[in-house]
PDB file of N, CA and C in Angstrom:
ATOM      1  N   MET A   1     -42.967  17.590   4.942  1.00  0.00           N
ATOM      2  CA  MET A   1     -42.756  18.137   3.621  1.00  0.00           C
ATOM      3  C   MET A   1     -41.565  17.415   2.982  1.00  0.00           C
ATOM      4  N   ALA A   2     -41.767  16.892   1.825  1.00  0.00           N
ATOM      5  CA  ALA A   2     -40.710  16.169   1.118  1.00  0.00           C
ATOM      6  C   ALA A   2     -40.018  17.103   0.132  1.00  0.00           C
ATOM      7  N   LEU A   3     -38.739  16.894  -0.006  1.00  0.00           N
ATOM      8  CA  LEU A   3     -37.978  17.680  -0.976  1.00  0.00           C
ATOM      9  C   LEU A   3     -37.953  16.946  -2.306  1.00  0.00           C
ATOM     10  N   LYS A   4     -38.074  17.707  -3.369  1.00  0.00           N
ATOM     11  CA  LYS A   4     -38.008  17.103  -4.694  1.00  0.00           C
ATOM     12  C   LYS A   4     -36.544  16.969  -5.098  1.00  0.00           C
ATOM     13  N   ARG A   5     -36.256  15.870  -5.686  1.00  0.00           N
ATOM     14  CA  ARG A   5     -34.894  15.614  -6.138  1.00  0.00           C
ATOM     15  C   ARG A   5     -34.714  16.164  -7.545  1.00  0.00           C
ATOM     16  N   ASN A   6     -33.625  16.874  -7.736  1.00  0.00           N
ATOM     17  CA  ASN A   6     -33.333  17.432  -9.049  1.00  0.00           C
ATOM     18  C   ASN A   6     -32.437  16.441  -9.796  1.00  0.00           C
ATOM     19  N   PRO A   7     -32.920  15.807 -10.848  1.00  0.00           N
ATOM     20  CA  PRO A   7     -32.131  14.789 -11.552  1.00  0.00           C
ATOM     21  C   PRO A   7     -30.846  15.349 -12.160  1.00  0.00           C
ATOM     22  N   GLU A   8     -30.808  16.631 -12.508  1.00  0.00           N
ATOM     23  CA  GLU A   8     -29.604  17.216 -13.086  1.00  0.00           C
ATOM     24  C   GLU A   8     -28.458  17.233 -12.071  1.00  0.00           C
ATOM     25  N   ASP A   9     -28.775  17.484 -10.800  1.00  0.00           N
ATOM     26  CA  ASP A   9     -27.745  17.468  -9.762  1.00  0.00           C
ATOM     27  C   ASP A   9     -27.175  16.067  -9.592  1.00  0.00           C
ATOM     28  N   SER A  10     -28.011  15.083  -9.679  1.00  0.00           N
ATOM     29  CA  SER A  10     -27.580  13.701  -9.526  1.00  0.00           C
ATOM     30  C   SER A  10     -26.637  13.292 -10.662  1.00  0.00           C
ATOM     31  N   VAL A  11     -26.944  13.709 -11.874  1.00  0.00           N
ATOM     32  CA  VAL A  11     -26.100  13.390 -13.029  1.00  0.00           C
ATOM     33  C   VAL A  11     -24.735  14.044 -12.865  1.00  0.00           C
ATOM     34  N   GLN A  12     -24.702  15.310 -12.449  1.00  0.00           N
ATOM     35  CA  GLN A  12     -23.434  16.018 -12.253  1.00  0.00           C
ATOM     36  C   GLN A  12     -22.616  15.337 -11.159  1.00  0.00           C
ATOM     37  N   TYR A  13     -23.266  14.937 -10.085  1.00  0.00           N
ATOM     38  CA  TYR A  13     -22.577  14.251  -8.987  1.00  0.00           C
ATOM     39  C   TYR A  13     -21.969  12.944  -9.486  1.00  0.00           C
ATOM     40  N   ASP A  14     -22.745  12.172 -10.249  1.00  0.00           N
ATOM     41  CA  ASP A  14     -22.250  10.900 -10.783  1.00  0.00           C
ATOM     42  C   ASP A  14     -21.046  11.124 -11.695  1.00  0.00           C
ATOM     43  N   GLU A  15     -21.080  12.174 -12.507  1.00  0.00           N
ATOM     44  CA  GLU A  15     -19.960  12.475 -13.400  1.00  0.00           C
ATOM     45  C   GLU A  15     -18.714  12.849 -12.599  1.00  0.00           C
ATOM     46  N   ASP A  16     -18.892  13.641 -11.530  1.00  0.00           N
ATOM     47  CA  ASP A  16     -17.762  14.029 -10.686  1.00  0.00           C
ATOM     48  C   ASP A  16     -17.141  12.812 -10.010  1.00  0.00           C
ATOM     49  N   VAL A  17     -17.977  11.939  -9.493  1.00  0.00           N
ATOM     50  CA  VAL A  17     -17.490  10.731  -8.819  1.00  0.00           C
ATOM     51  C   VAL A  17     -16.756   9.840  -9.817  1.00  0.00           C
ATOM     52  N   THR A  18     -17.298   9.677 -11.003  1.00  0.00           N
ATOM     53  CA  THR A  18     -16.668   8.851 -12.024  1.00  0.00           C
ATOM     54  C   THR A  18     -15.314   9.416 -12.417  1.00  0.00           C
ATOM     55  N   ARG A  19     -15.225  10.726 -12.602  1.00  0.00           N
ATOM     56  CA  ARG A  19     -13.968  11.367 -12.985  1.00  0.00           C
ATOM     57  C   ARG A  19     -12.914  11.189 -11.893  1.00  0.00           C
ATOM     58  N   LYS A  20     -13.303  11.396 -10.640  1.00  0.00           N
ATOM     59  CA  LYS A  20     -12.369  11.242  -9.528  1.00  0.00           C
ATOM     60  C   LYS A  20     -11.905   9.793  -9.389  1.00  0.00           C
ATOM     61  N   ALA A  21     -12.811   8.850  -9.590  1.00  0.00           N
ATOM     62  CA  ALA A  21     -12.453   7.435  -9.493  1.00  0.00           C
ATOM     63  C   ALA A  21     -11.457   7.058 -10.585  1.00  0.00           C
ATOM     64  N   LYS A  22     -11.676   7.544 -11.798  1.00  0.00           N
ATOM     65  CA  LYS A  22     -10.746   7.252 -12.897  1.00  0.00           C
ATOM     66  C   LYS A  22      -9.362   7.818 -12.593  1.00  0.00           C
ATOM     67  N   GLN A  23      -9.306   9.037 -12.048  1.00  0.00           N
ATOM     68  CA  GLN A  23      -8.015   9.635 -11.686  1.00  0.00           C
ATOM     69  C   GLN A  23      -7.315   8.807 -10.619  1.00  0.00           C
ATOM     70  N   LEU A  24      -8.067   8.365  -9.641  1.00  0.00           N
ATOM     71  CA  LEU A  24      -7.491   7.611  -8.533  1.00  0.00           C
ATOM     72  C   LEU A  24      -6.931   6.271  -8.988  1.00  0.00           C
ATOM     73  N   PHE A  25      -7.692   5.554  -9.793  1.00  0.00           N
ATOM     74  CA  PHE A  25      -7.309   4.196 -10.141  1.00  0.00           C
ATOM     75  C   PHE A  25      -6.425   4.088 -11.373  1.00  0.00           C
ATOM     76  N   THR A  26      -6.270   5.152 -12.145  1.00  0.00           N
ATOM     77  CA  THR A  26      -5.336   5.092 -13.269  1.00  0.00           C
ATOM     78  C   THR A  26      -3.945   5.501 -12.832  1.00  0.00           C
ATOM     79  N   GLY A  27      -3.808   6.061 -11.644  1.00  0.00           N
ATOM     80  CA  GLY A  27      -2.490   6.439 -11.144  1.00  0.00           C
ATOM     81  C   GLY A  27      -2.012   7.759 -11.703  1.00  0.00           C
ATOM     82  N   ASP A  28      -2.837   8.472 -12.440  1.00  0.00           N
ATOM     83  CA  ASP A  28      -2.438   9.742 -13.025  1.00  0.00           C
ATOM     84  C   ASP A  28      -2.828  10.929 -12.155  1.00  0.00           C
ATOM     85  N   ALA A  29      -3.066  10.693 -10.897  1.00  0.00           N
ATOM     86  CA  ALA A  29      -3.501  11.751  -9.999  1.00  0.00           C
ATOM     87  C   ALA A  29      -2.316  12.499  -9.399  1.00  0.00           C
ATOM     88  N   GLY A  30      -1.156  12.434 -10.058  1.00  0.00           N
ATOM     89  CA  GLY A  30       0.006  13.141  -9.567  1.00  0.00           C
ATOM     90  C   GLY A  30       0.807  12.351  -8.549  1.00  0.00           C
ATOM     91  N   ARG A  31       0.436  11.113  -8.347  1.00  0.00           N
ATOM     92  CA  ARG A  31       1.171  10.290  -7.392  1.00  0.00           C
ATOM     93  C   ARG A  31       2.493   9.860  -8.004  1.00  0.00           C
ATOM     94  N   ARG A  32       3.433   9.594  -7.139  1.00  0.00           N
ATOM     95  CA  ARG A  32       4.734   9.106  -7.574  1.00  0.00           C
ATOM     96  C   ARG A  32       4.573   7.672  -8.062  1.00  0.00           C
ATOM     97  N   LYS A  33       5.124   7.393  -9.216  1.00  0.00           N
ATOM     98  CA  LYS A  33       5.057   6.037  -9.758  1.00  0.00           C
ATOM     99  C   LYS A  33       5.981   5.134  -8.953  1.00  0.00           C
ATOM    100  N   THR A  34       5.497   3.979  -8.582  1.00  0.00           N
ATOM    101  CA  THR A  34       6.301   3.012  -7.852  1.00  0.00           C
ATOM    102  C   THR A  34       6.341   1.718  -8.646  1.00  0.00           C
ATOM    103  N   GLU A  35       7.382   0.963  -8.405  1.00  0.00           N
ATOM    104  CA  GLU A  35       7.497  -0.320  -9.072  1.00  0.00           C
ATOM    105  C   GLU A  35       6.527  -1.310  -8.433  1.00  0.00           C
ATOM    106  N   LYS A  36       6.128  -2.280  -9.220  1.00  0.00           N
ATOM    107  CA  LYS A  36       5.299  -3.344  -8.676  1.00  0.00           C
ATOM    108  C   LYS A  36       6.169  -4.244  -7.820  1.00  0.00           C
ATOM    109  N   LYS A  37       5.608  -4.788  -6.766  1.00  0.00           N
ATOM    110  CA  LYS A  37       6.329  -5.672  -5.858  1.00  0.00           C
ATOM    111  C   LYS A  37       6.425  -7.068  -6.478  1.00  0.00           C
ATOM    112  N   ILE A  38       7.491  -7.763  -6.150  1.00  0.00           N
ATOM    113  CA  ILE A  38       7.701  -9.133  -6.608  1.00  0.00           C
ATOM    114  C   ILE A  38       7.543 -10.052  -5.405  1.00  0.00           C
ATOM    115  N   LEU A  39       6.717 -11.064  -5.545  1.00  0.00           N
ATOM    116  CA  LEU A  39       6.520 -12.026  -4.471  1.00  0.00           C
ATOM    117  C   LEU A  39       7.684 -13.003  -4.467  1.00  0.00           C
ATOM    118  N   THR A  40       8.324 -13.128  -3.314  1.00  0.00           N
ATOM    119  CA  THR A  40       9.454 -14.048  -3.213  1.00  0.00           C
ATOM    120  C   THR A  40       9.280 -14.943  -1.999  1.00  0.00           C
ATOM    121  N   THR A  41       9.860 -16.105  -2.055  1.00  0.00           N
ATOM    122  CA  THR A  41       9.745 -17.046  -0.942  1.00  0.00           C
ATOM    123  C   THR A  41      11.132 -17.476  -0.491  1.00  0.00           C
ATOM    124  N   PHE A  42      11.233 -17.853   0.763  1.00  0.00           N
ATOM    125  CA  PHE A  42      12.469 -18.388   1.302  1.00  0.00           C
ATOM    126  C   PHE A  42      12.126 -19.226   2.521  1.00  0.00           C
ATOM    127  N   SER A  43      13.060 -20.052   2.926  1.00  0.00           N
ATOM    128  CA  SER A  43      12.844 -20.932   4.079  1.00  0.00           C
ATOM    129  C   SER A  43      13.555 -20.366   5.294  1.00  0.00           C
ATOM    130  N   ILE A  44      12.928 -20.513   6.448  1.00  0.00           N
ATOM    131  CA  ILE A  44      13.511 -20.022   7.691  1.00  0.00           C
ATOM    132  C   ILE A  44      13.046 -20.944   8.818  1.00  0.00           C
ATOM    133  N   ALA A  45      13.915 -21.149   9.784  1.00  0.00           N
ATOM    134  CA  ALA A  45      13.560 -21.999  10.926  1.00  0.00           C
ATOM    135  C   ALA A  45      12.453 -21.310  11.734  1.00  0.00           C
ATOM    136  N   PRO A  46      11.489 -22.063  12.222  1.00  0.00           N
ATOM    137  CA  PRO A  46      10.391 -21.469  12.983  1.00  0.00           C
ATOM    138  C   PRO A  46      10.854 -20.621  14.171  1.00  0.00           C
ATOM    139  N   SER A  47      11.903 -21.072  14.866  1.00  0.00           N
ATOM    140  CA  SER A  47      12.379 -20.297  16.017  1.00  0.00           C
ATOM    141  C   SER A  47      12.982 -18.966  15.567  1.00  0.00           C
ATOM    142  N   ASP A  48      13.703 -18.977  14.446  1.00  0.00           N
ATOM    143  CA  ASP A  48      14.264 -17.732  13.921  1.00  0.00           C
ATOM    144  C   ASP A  48      13.151 -16.786  13.487  1.00  0.00           C
ATOM    145  N   LYS A  49      12.117 -17.345  12.868  1.00  0.00           N
ATOM    146  CA  LYS A  49      11.003 -16.506  12.412  1.00  0.00           C
ATOM    147  C   LYS A  49      10.305 -15.866  13.607  1.00  0.00           C
ATOM    148  N   LYS A  50      10.102 -16.622  14.663  1.00  0.00           N
ATOM    149  CA  LYS A  50       9.437 -16.089  15.860  1.00  0.00           C
ATOM    150  C   LYS A  50      10.248 -14.933  16.444  1.00  0.00           C
ATOM    151  N   GLU A  51      11.583 -15.095  16.511  1.00  0.00           N
ATOM    152  CA  GLU A  51      12.443 -14.028  17.029  1.00  0.00           C
ATOM    153  C   GLU A  51      12.344 -12.777  16.164  1.00  0.00           C
ATOM    154  N   LEU A  52      12.350 -12.972  14.844  1.00  0.00           N
ATOM    155  CA  LEU A  52      12.234 -11.824  13.939  1.00  0.00           C
ATOM    156  C   LEU A  52      10.864 -11.165  14.052  1.00  0.00           C
ATOM    157  N   GLU A  53       9.813 -11.970  14.156  1.00  0.00           N
ATOM    158  CA  GLU A  53       8.462 -11.409  14.309  1.00  0.00           C
ATOM    159  C   GLU A  53       8.380 -10.554  15.568  1.00  0.00           C
ATOM    160  N   ASP A  54       8.975 -11.046  16.658  1.00  0.00           N
ATOM    161  CA  ASP A  54       8.968 -10.279  17.911  1.00  0.00           C
ATOM    162  C   ASP A  54       9.742  -8.976  17.756  1.00  0.00           C
ATOM    163  N   LEU A  55      10.900  -9.041  17.110  1.00  0.00           N
ATOM    164  CA  LEU A  55      11.708  -7.843  16.881  1.00  0.00           C
ATOM    165  C   LEU A  55      10.954  -6.834  16.022  1.00  0.00           C
ATOM    166  N   PHE A  56      10.355  -7.314  14.935  1.00  0.00           N
ATOM    167  CA  PHE A  56       9.596  -6.426  14.052  1.00  0.00           C
ATOM    168  C   PHE A  56       8.399  -5.825  14.776  1.00  0.00           C
ATOM    169  N   ALA A  57       7.739  -6.615  15.623  1.00  0.00           N
ATOM    170  CA  ALA A  57       6.584  -6.117  16.380  1.00  0.00           C
ATOM    171  C   ALA A  57       7.007  -4.992  17.313  1.00  0.00           C
ATOM    172  N   GLU A  58       8.179  -5.129  17.942  1.00  0.00           N
ATOM    173  CA  GLU A  58       8.689  -4.058  18.809  1.00  0.00           C
ATOM    174  C   GLU A  58       8.935  -2.781  18.016  1.00  0.00           C
ATOM    175  N   MET A  59       9.289  -2.936  16.750  1.00  0.00           N
ATOM    176  CA  MET A  59       9.541  -1.791  15.874  1.00  0.00           C
ATOM    177  C   MET A  59       8.253  -1.254  15.254  1.00  0.00           C
ATOM    178  N   GLY A  60       7.147  -1.946  15.502  1.00  0.00           N
ATOM    179  CA  GLY A  60       5.869  -1.529  14.934  1.00  0.00           C
ATOM    180  C   GLY A  60       5.690  -1.970  13.491  1.00  0.00           C
ATOM    181  N   LEU A  61       6.408  -3.025  13.109  1.00  0.00           N
ATOM    182  CA  LEU A  61       6.334  -3.519  11.739  1.00  0.00           C
ATOM    183  C   LEU A  61       5.736  -4.919  11.700  1.00  0.00           C
ATOM    184  N   GLY A  62       5.056  -5.206  10.637  1.00  0.00           N
ATOM    185  CA  GLY A  62       4.584  -6.565  10.401  1.00  0.00           C
ATOM    186  C   GLY A  62       5.708  -7.385   9.788  1.00  0.00           C
ATOM    187  N   TRP A  63       5.421  -8.636   9.488  1.00  0.00           N
ATOM    188  CA  TRP A  63       6.443  -9.533   8.957  1.00  0.00           C
ATOM    189  C   TRP A  63       7.019  -9.014   7.634  1.00  0.00           C
ATOM    190  N   ALA A  64       6.165  -8.730   6.660  1.00  0.00           N
ATOM    191  CA  ALA A  64       6.646  -8.316   5.337  1.00  0.00           C
ATOM    192  C   ALA A  64       7.381  -6.977   5.399  1.00  0.00           C
ATOM    193  N   ALA A  65       6.834  -6.028   6.136  1.00  0.00           N
ATOM    194  CA  ALA A  65       7.491  -4.724   6.262  1.00  0.00           C
ATOM    195  C   ALA A  65       8.836  -4.861   6.961  1.00  0.00           C
ATOM    196  N   GLY A  66       8.909  -5.727   7.958  1.00  0.00           N
ATOM    197  CA  GLY A  66      10.161  -5.952   8.668  1.00  0.00           C
ATOM    198  C   GLY A  66      11.218  -6.567   7.770  1.00  0.00           C
ATOM    199  N   ILE A  67      10.823  -7.524   6.957  1.00  0.00           N
ATOM    200  CA  ILE A  67      11.761  -8.156   6.025  1.00  0.00           C
ATOM    201  C   ILE A  67      12.252  -7.130   5.010  1.00  0.00           C
ATOM    202  N   ARG A  68      11.333  -6.316   4.471  1.00  0.00           N
ATOM    203  CA  ARG A  68      11.744  -5.275   3.518  1.00  0.00           C
ATOM    204  C   ARG A  68      12.715  -4.300   4.177  1.00  0.00           C
ATOM    205  N   PHE A  69      12.430  -3.910   5.428  1.00  0.00           N
ATOM    206  CA  PHE A  69      13.314  -3.014   6.170  1.00  0.00           C
ATOM    207  C   PHE A  69      14.687  -3.656   6.364  1.00  0.00           C
ATOM    208  N   ALA A  70      14.717  -4.911   6.785  1.00  0.00           N
ATOM    209  CA  ALA A  70      15.983  -5.601   7.031  1.00  0.00           C
ATOM    210  C   ALA A  70      16.805  -5.714   5.747  1.00  0.00           C
ATOM    211  N   LEU A  71      16.160  -6.042   4.647  1.00  0.00           N
ATOM    212  CA  LEU A  71      16.878  -6.153   3.378  1.00  0.00           C
ATOM    213  C   LEU A  71      17.413  -4.798   2.922  1.00  0.00           C
ATOM    214  N   THR A  72      16.647  -3.741   3.136  1.00  0.00           N
ATOM    215  CA  THR A  72      17.107  -2.396   2.776  1.00  0.00           C
ATOM    216  C   THR A  72      18.320  -2.012   3.600  1.00  0.00           C
ATOM    217  N   GLU A  73      18.276  -2.290   4.903  1.00  0.00           N
ATOM    218  CA  GLU A  73      19.418  -1.977   5.765  1.00  0.00           C
ATOM    219  C   GLU A  73      20.639  -2.812   5.383  1.00  0.00           C
ATOM    220  N   PHE A  74      20.445  -4.062   5.056  1.00  0.00           N
ATOM    221  CA  PHE A  74      21.528  -4.929   4.619  1.00  0.00           C
ATOM    222  C   PHE A  74      22.166  -4.376   3.351  1.00  0.00           C
ATOM    223  N   LYS A  75      21.323  -3.953   2.423  1.00  0.00           N
ATOM    224  CA  LYS A  75      21.804  -3.396   1.163  1.00  0.00           C
ATOM    225  C   LYS A  75      22.626  -2.139   1.411  1.00  0.00           C
ATOM    226  N   LYS A  76      22.158  -1.268   2.313  1.00  0.00           N
ATOM    227  CA  LYS A  76      22.905  -0.041   2.638  1.00  0.00           C
ATOM    228  C   LYS A  76      24.269  -0.380   3.235  1.00  0.00           C
ATOM    229  N   LYS A  77      24.301  -1.354   4.111  1.00  0.00           N
ATOM    230  CA  LYS A  77      25.536  -1.696   4.827  1.00  0.00           C
ATOM    231  C   LYS A  77      26.572  -2.344   3.905  1.00  0.00           C
ATOM    232  N   TYR A  78      26.111  -3.203   3.005  1.00  0.00           N
ATOM    233  CA  TYR A  78      27.030  -3.965   2.155  1.00  0.00           C
ATOM    234  C   TYR A  78      26.932  -3.543   0.681  1.00  0.00           C
ATOM    235  N   LYS A  79      26.738  -2.258   0.450  1.00  0.00           N
ATOM    236  CA  LYS A  79      26.527  -1.769  -0.912  1.00  0.00           C
ATOM    237  C   LYS A  79      27.743  -1.993  -1.824  1.00  0.00           C
ATOM    238  N   ASN A  80      28.943  -1.865  -1.288  1.00  0.00           N
ATOM    239  CA  ASN A  80      30.136  -1.997  -2.119  1.00  0.00           C
ATOM    240  C   ASN A  80      30.253  -3.418  -2.612  1.00  0.00           C
TER     241      ASN A  80
END
């Protein structure tokens, strides 16, 4: 026995999904506004980078997260 599809339910579902998607992607879903990240580059010796990668890995951080963490800690320490 096949079930008949009610087209009105499908339209309502599509409207709900569209509304939720707009809320999610416009950032107006009550989330805290954050600044956009700035891509920056710098040079580092390969051996120093390997040591930092190992340290960050022990902390459970990737390269970018580790660098952000290190810069934040540096800023806290030398704020004056």
